[in-house]
């Protein structure tokens, strides 16, 4: 392992960073003077993703949708999903799903109590359960259980 870690901007998906920079009025990201510059390909990939989501136009400028997406501290696909949910009438469900995605694993599995933890967890998930299974099960019972 190297004595210094690789800067985060060189390790992460740059979608959110790119969207934020565009919202700040920075037009030429490839020429921007980053302290630790990401690869040009990473920036191009992020801009392509934003274009495919409708956040950038053909010239790489922020669209009206992109400006709205930039208001949320979320990955761009989640921002677009949240905005689309308003028109589709499913904002409550999408907010719950996004919260579950952003939260990650909520189950603690201490090494010394793994079997017991697995038994407790099995009450909420089928054998190969995922967050979506938990969400659907919760909706079936009419409420989400808060732990």
C-alpha atoms as a PDB file:
ATOM      1  CA  UNK A   1       0.000   0.000   0.000  1.00  0.00           C
ATOM      2  CA  UNK A   2       1.348   3.414  -0.886  1.00  0.00           C
ATOM      3  CA  UNK A   3       2.060   5.883   1.944  1.00  0.00           C
ATOM      4  CA  UNK A   4      -0.471   8.353   0.521  1.00  0.00           C
ATOM      5  CA  UNK A   5      -3.927   7.478  -0.699  1.00  0.00           C
ATOM      6  CA  UNK A   6      -5.262   8.334  -4.124  1.00  0.00           C
ATOM      7  CA  UNK A   7      -7.266  11.590  -3.953  1.00  0.00           C
ATOM      8  CA  UNK A   8     -11.006  10.993  -3.780  1.00  0.00           C
ATOM      9  CA  UNK A   9     -11.685  12.991  -6.944  1.00  0.00           C
ATOM     10  CA  UNK A  10      -9.581  10.449  -8.836  1.00  0.00           C
ATOM     11  CA  UNK A  11     -11.505   7.485  -7.380  1.00  0.00           C
ATOM     12  CA  UNK A  12     -15.179   8.476  -7.482  1.00  0.00           C
ATOM     13  CA  UNK A  13     -17.854   8.874 -10.117  1.00  0.00           C
ATOM     14  CA  UNK A  14     -17.754  12.550 -11.031  1.00  0.00           C
ATOM     15  CA  UNK A  15     -21.425  12.963 -11.944  1.00  0.00           C
ATOM     16  CA  UNK A  16     -22.371  14.982  -8.867  1.00  0.00           C
ATOM     17  CA  UNK A  17     -19.136  16.992  -8.928  1.00  0.00           C
ATOM     18  CA  UNK A  18     -19.565  17.801 -12.616  1.00  0.00           C
ATOM     19  CA  UNK A  19     -23.206  18.798 -12.145  1.00  0.00           C
ATOM     20  CA  UNK A  20     -22.290  21.052  -9.210  1.00  0.00           C
ATOM     21  CA  UNK A  21     -19.463  22.708 -11.131  1.00  0.00           C
ATOM     22  CA  UNK A  22     -21.728  23.318 -14.130  1.00  0.00           C
ATOM     23  CA  UNK A  23     -24.341  24.841 -11.786  1.00  0.00           C
ATOM     24  CA  UNK A  24     -21.623  27.153 -10.426  1.00  0.00           C
ATOM     25  CA  UNK A  25     -21.055  28.422 -13.972  1.00  0.00           C
ATOM     26  CA  UNK A  26     -17.814  26.577 -14.724  1.00  0.00           C
ATOM     27  CA  UNK A  27     -18.041  25.813 -18.427  1.00  0.00           C
ATOM     28  CA  UNK A  28     -14.741  24.148 -19.362  1.00  0.00           C
ATOM     29  CA  UNK A  29     -14.160  21.367 -16.864  1.00  0.00           C
ATOM     30  CA  UNK A  30     -11.346  19.810 -18.874  1.00  0.00           C
ATOM     31  CA  UNK A  31      -9.272  22.988 -18.440  1.00  0.00           C
ATOM     32  CA  UNK A  32     -10.267  23.608 -14.819  1.00  0.00           C
ATOM     33  CA  UNK A  33      -7.292  23.886 -12.449  1.00  0.00           C
ATOM     34  CA  UNK A  34      -8.045  21.021 -10.045  1.00  0.00           C
ATOM     35  CA  UNK A  35      -5.662  20.530  -7.134  1.00  0.00           C
ATOM     36  CA  UNK A  36      -5.576  16.802  -7.999  1.00  0.00           C
ATOM     37  CA  UNK A  37      -7.033  16.580 -11.492  1.00  0.00           C
ATOM     38  CA  UNK A  38      -9.226  13.623 -12.385  1.00  0.00           C
ATOM     39  CA  UNK A  39      -8.596  11.872 -15.659  1.00  0.00           C
ATOM     40  CA  UNK A  40     -10.082  13.573 -18.723  1.00  0.00           C
ATOM     41  CA  UNK A  41     -11.930  10.324 -19.464  1.00  0.00           C
ATOM     42  CA  UNK A  42     -13.614  10.421 -16.027  1.00  0.00           C
ATOM     43  CA  UNK A  43     -14.838  13.972 -16.684  1.00  0.00           C
ATOM     44  CA  UNK A  44     -16.010  13.078 -20.188  1.00  0.00           C
ATOM     45  CA  UNK A  45     -17.873  10.028 -18.843  1.00  0.00           C
ATOM     46  CA  UNK A  46     -19.572  12.203 -16.222  1.00  0.00           C
ATOM     47  CA  UNK A  47     -20.616  14.749 -18.856  1.00  0.00           C
ATOM     48  CA  UNK A  48     -21.924  11.955 -21.103  1.00  0.00           C
ATOM     49  CA  UNK A  49     -23.992  10.615 -18.207  1.00  0.00           C
ATOM     50  CA  UNK A  50     -25.385  14.091 -17.500  1.00  0.00           C
ATOM     51  CA  UNK A  51     -26.211  14.543 -21.197  1.00  0.00           C
ATOM     52  CA  UNK A  52     -28.027  11.191 -21.282  1.00  0.00           C
ATOM     53  CA  UNK A  53     -30.050  12.247 -18.220  1.00  0.00           C
ATOM     54  CA  UNK A  54     -30.993  15.547 -19.875  1.00  0.00           C
ATOM     55  CA  UNK A  55     -28.981  17.656 -17.418  1.00  0.00           C
ATOM     56  CA  UNK A  56     -26.629  18.959 -20.135  1.00  0.00           C
ATOM     57  CA  UNK A  57     -27.426  19.995 -23.694  1.00  0.00           C
ATOM     58  CA  UNK A  58     -25.420  19.193 -26.856  1.00  0.00           C
ATOM     59  CA  UNK A  59     -23.010  22.033 -26.090  1.00  0.00           C
ATOM     60  CA  UNK A  60     -22.373  20.834 -22.534  1.00  0.00           C
ATOM     61  CA  UNK A  61     -24.425  23.628 -20.971  1.00  0.00           C
ATOM     62  CA  UNK A  62     -26.727  23.052 -18.026  1.00  0.00           C
ATOM     63  CA  UNK A  63     -30.377  22.586 -18.955  1.00  0.00           C
ATOM     64  CA  UNK A  64     -33.358  23.692 -16.890  1.00  0.00           C
ATOM     65  CA  UNK A  65     -33.663  20.098 -15.665  1.00  0.00           C
ATOM     66  CA  UNK A  66     -29.946  20.023 -14.842  1.00  0.00           C
ATOM     67  CA  UNK A  67     -30.273  23.168 -12.746  1.00  0.00           C
ATOM     68  CA  UNK A  68     -33.090  21.537 -10.747  1.00  0.00           C
ATOM     69  CA  UNK A  69     -31.081  18.314 -10.378  1.00  0.00           C
ATOM     70  CA  UNK A  70     -28.112  20.271  -9.018  1.00  0.00           C
ATOM     71  CA  UNK A  71     -30.226  21.469  -6.090  1.00  0.00           C
ATOM     72  CA  UNK A  72     -30.235  17.987  -4.558  1.00  0.00           C
ATOM     73  CA  UNK A  73     -27.212  16.474  -2.790  1.00  0.00           C
ATOM     74  CA  UNK A  74     -27.733  13.222  -4.690  1.00  0.00           C
ATOM     75  CA  UNK A  75     -26.179  11.308  -7.541  1.00  0.00           C
ATOM     76  CA  UNK A  76     -27.631  12.703 -10.784  1.00  0.00           C
ATOM     77  CA  UNK A  77     -29.720   9.602 -11.636  1.00  0.00           C
ATOM     78  CA  UNK A  78     -31.354   9.794  -8.203  1.00  0.00           C
ATOM     79  CA  UNK A  79     -31.994  13.526  -8.603  1.00  0.00           C
ATOM     80  CA  UNK A  80     -33.713  12.942 -11.921  1.00  0.00           C
ATOM     81  CA  UNK A  81     -35.710  10.054 -10.477  1.00  0.00           C
ATOM     82  CA  UNK A  82     -36.896  12.288  -7.635  1.00  0.00           C
ATOM     83  CA  UNK A  83     -37.909  15.090 -10.006  1.00  0.00           C
ATOM     84  CA  UNK A  84     -39.712  12.663 -12.339  1.00  0.00           C
ATOM     85  CA  UNK A  85     -41.587  11.170  -9.383  1.00  0.00           C
ATOM     86  CA  UNK A  86     -43.474  14.445  -8.906  1.00  0.00           C
ATOM     87  CA  UNK A  87     -45.036  14.197 -12.377  1.00  0.00           C
ATOM     88  CA  UNK A  88     -45.658  10.473 -11.944  1.00  0.00           C
ATOM     89  CA  UNK A  89     -47.334  10.888  -8.556  1.00  0.00           C
ATOM     90  CA  UNK A  90     -45.007   8.569  -6.674  1.00  0.00           C
ATOM     91  CA  UNK A  91     -42.798  10.949  -4.692  1.00  0.00           C
ATOM     92  CA  UNK A  92     -43.414   9.275  -1.327  1.00  0.00           C
ATOM     93  CA  UNK A  93     -42.283   5.913  -2.668  1.00  0.00           C
ATOM     94  CA  UNK A  94     -39.267   7.359  -4.483  1.00  0.00           C
ATOM     95  CA  UNK A  95     -38.189   9.355  -1.428  1.00  0.00           C
ATOM     96  CA  UNK A  96     -38.280   6.158   0.603  1.00  0.00           C
ATOM     97  CA  UNK A  97     -36.286   4.239  -2.007  1.00  0.00           C
ATOM     98  CA  UNK A  98     -33.686   7.008  -2.312  1.00  0.00           C
ATOM     99  CA  UNK A  99     -33.347   7.161   1.468  1.00  0.00           C
ATOM    100  CA  UNK A 100     -32.794   3.408   1.554  1.00  0.00           C
ATOM    101  CA  UNK A 101     -30.182   3.601  -1.211  1.00  0.00           C
ATOM    102  CA  UNK A 102     -28.345   6.464   0.457  1.00  0.00           C
ATOM    103  CA  UNK A 103     -28.410   4.852   3.898  1.00  0.00           C
ATOM    104  CA  UNK A 104     -26.851   1.561   2.886  1.00  0.00           C
ATOM    105  CA  UNK A 105     -26.864  -1.435   5.200  1.00  0.00           C
ATOM    106  CA  UNK A 106     -28.764  -0.759   8.412  1.00  0.00           C
ATOM    107  CA  UNK A 107     -28.032  -4.137   9.971  1.00  0.00           C
ATOM    108  CA  UNK A 108     -25.198  -4.624  12.430  1.00  0.00           C
ATOM    109  CA  UNK A 109     -23.645  -8.092  12.321  1.00  0.00           C
ATOM    110  CA  UNK A 110     -21.179  -8.434  15.217  1.00  0.00           C
ATOM    111  CA  UNK A 111     -18.614 -11.153  14.622  1.00  0.00           C
ATOM    112  CA  UNK A 112     -19.413 -12.971  17.870  1.00  0.00           C
ATOM    113  CA  UNK A 113     -23.187 -12.953  17.204  1.00  0.00           C
ATOM    114  CA  UNK A 114     -23.394 -13.565  13.447  1.00  0.00           C
ATOM    115  CA  UNK A 115     -25.786 -16.521  13.655  1.00  0.00           C
ATOM    116  CA  UNK A 116     -28.127 -14.658  15.992  1.00  0.00           C
ATOM    117  CA  UNK A 117     -27.960 -11.528  13.813  1.00  0.00           C
ATOM    118  CA  UNK A 118     -28.766 -13.589  10.703  1.00  0.00           C
ATOM    119  CA  UNK A 119     -31.833 -15.068  12.423  1.00  0.00           C
ATOM    120  CA  UNK A 120     -33.096 -11.630  13.427  1.00  0.00           C
ATOM    121  CA  UNK A 121     -32.453 -10.260   9.942  1.00  0.00           C
ATOM    122  CA  UNK A 122     -34.332 -13.189   8.351  1.00  0.00           C
ATOM    123  CA  UNK A 123     -37.544 -11.795   9.860  1.00  0.00           C
ATOM    124  CA  UNK A 124     -37.282  -8.868   7.463  1.00  0.00           C
ATOM    125  CA  UNK A 125     -35.816 -10.442   4.322  1.00  0.00           C
ATOM    126  CA  UNK A 126     -36.196 -13.633   2.355  1.00  0.00           C
ATOM    127  CA  UNK A 127     -33.002 -15.725   2.123  1.00  0.00           C
ATOM    128  CA  UNK A 128     -31.633 -13.570  -0.673  1.00  0.00           C
ATOM    129  CA  UNK A 129     -33.322 -10.359   0.393  1.00  0.00           C
ATOM    130  CA  UNK A 130     -32.498  -6.920  -0.893  1.00  0.00           C
ATOM    131  CA  UNK A 131     -33.593  -3.460   0.099  1.00  0.00           C
ATOM    132  CA  UNK A 132     -36.276  -3.610  -2.589  1.00  0.00           C
ATOM    133  CA  UNK A 133     -37.687  -6.748  -0.941  1.00  0.00           C
ATOM    134  CA  UNK A 134     -37.791  -4.931   2.391  1.00  0.00           C
ATOM    135  CA  UNK A 135     -39.544  -1.983   0.777  1.00  0.00           C
ATOM    136  CA  UNK A 136     -42.154  -4.177  -0.923  1.00  0.00           C
ATOM    137  CA  UNK A 137     -42.760  -6.146   2.259  1.00  0.00           C
ATOM    138  CA  UNK A 138     -43.179  -2.921   4.210  1.00  0.00           C
ATOM    139  CA  UNK A 139     -45.619  -1.533   1.660  1.00  0.00           C
ATOM    140  CA  UNK A 140     -47.628  -4.769   1.781  1.00  0.00           C
ATOM    141  CA  UNK A 141     -48.054  -4.333   5.528  1.00  0.00           C
ATOM    142  CA  UNK A 142     -49.035  -0.706   5.032  1.00  0.00           C
ATOM    143  CA  UNK A 143     -46.153   0.916   6.824  1.00  0.00           C
ATOM    144  CA  UNK A 144     -42.415   1.121   6.954  1.00  0.00           C
ATOM    145  CA  UNK A 145     -40.921  -0.035  10.205  1.00  0.00           C
ATOM    146  CA  UNK A 146     -38.361   2.318  11.704  1.00  0.00           C
ATOM    147  CA  UNK A 147     -35.539   0.697  13.640  1.00  0.00           C
END
